């Protein structure tokens, strides 16, 4: 499957996922209180801390390896199964000490339910990883969209049935089972494997290096949630979790989708000796020009967005949401760094940088928690700036880029983003940053911003212009056919 078709399938699925998740969150916000949302967030934070020791990034190993005989896939699947079993056992053990460890006894049943969900990952791991390696994003999109629909619909259904803070956990279990079933059907040619540990050394070495990168990053986020819950209370954590879940939805479903496709393309170019440097630079330009307008726009419109979507009682989540969106804008500035470190075999170095971000950023976040969730969200901007200072020189080095190439991408994509956000910014200034801006005016500002965004891309000759041209060409060909 080509890169454009892969992106089209991936983004169509993620757009559907965002619609489902966003629509579901509107209902869930009216069924569950900030406290109930906070209980699930505390359990999720504990799960995330335990998962640090299981974030081996084995899917990336499958995608990256030039040669992948059956013995290797069997060994990778075996290591993944052992990790999932160990993770589930740890969650069950922690659930019996939820009160002293987490300060919230209601988190215990959530941990036990999620422990069962993780076991389904043993079945779905290898089919999903191999489908990604082979760029079968149509199947991956269908599986992911179905899982998201079950997760969201199940949460609503269980909440209506009175499951309270357990609702999302029960839904996650159902979604994991559906995902595993679909993975076995759509990736059935990859589904069988025999337990094998003959090649565990290179797999474990790669996994430990990935754990030091992704695991430390996840640990940073989960410790942040626990700090909010401990210092500001469970209800405040519910507000902060509402903001962070919305920001994560945007990040994972848009940025994460694009980089997953680009990572496969970069891996193929790297394995074949192609011009993967040009692939990286073009990908970075496209992603930044697409992501920055979305993130900045939501940062500007955070107050009316929260008010319109979730109602008056969730309005305190607007300030941290705006700050988290700005932090993600900074994060895009050194984006796709993980892909470069993996391809160039320098995951150990990146692990040290992620540890440095944790050591430097977490105390800043804790200081923010002493004041408010808005100050805590603002601290994430400082964490992202630390990331820029650490990663920028190495992104240039690993991608073999000249000194002015990334700044030129910043200028081009940043100018396009400012054009797109300008109408919304002027609207909010005019209304004094009120949460009650009329919906018709918000829609008008967003629509005008989209038009200015398209015009800026066409006038500047940005790489996204080629994507527009290719889309128009395919549309005309289909219309003639």
Foldseek 3Di string as FASTA:
>chain_A
DDLLVLLVLLLVLLVLLCVLQLVLVLLVLVLAALLLLLLLLLLVLVLLLLCLVVQQVLLLVLLQDLDDDQQNLQQSLLSNQVSLLVSLVVLQVVLVVCCVPQVDNVSSVLSNLVSLLSNLCSQQVFLVSVCLSVSVNNLVSVLVSQLSNQLSVQLSVVSVVPVRSNRNSNSSSVSSNSSSVSSCVVSVVRRDHDRDNPPVVVSVVSRVLSSLFVSLVSNLVSVLLSLLCVLVHSSQSSLQVVLVVVVVSLCCSQVVSLLSSLLSVLSVCLSVVHLSLVSVLLSLLVSLLVLLLVLQQCLLLLLLVCCVRNHDVSNVSSLLNSLLSLLVNLLSLLPPLVSLCVNVVNSNVSSVLSVVLSVPQNVCLSVLSNPHSNSNSNSSSVSSVSVCVPRVVVSCVSSVHDPCSSVVSCVLSVVLSCQLNVLSNVQCVVVVNDNPDDPVSSVVSNVSSVVSSVVSCVVVVRSVVVVVVVVVVVVVVVVVD
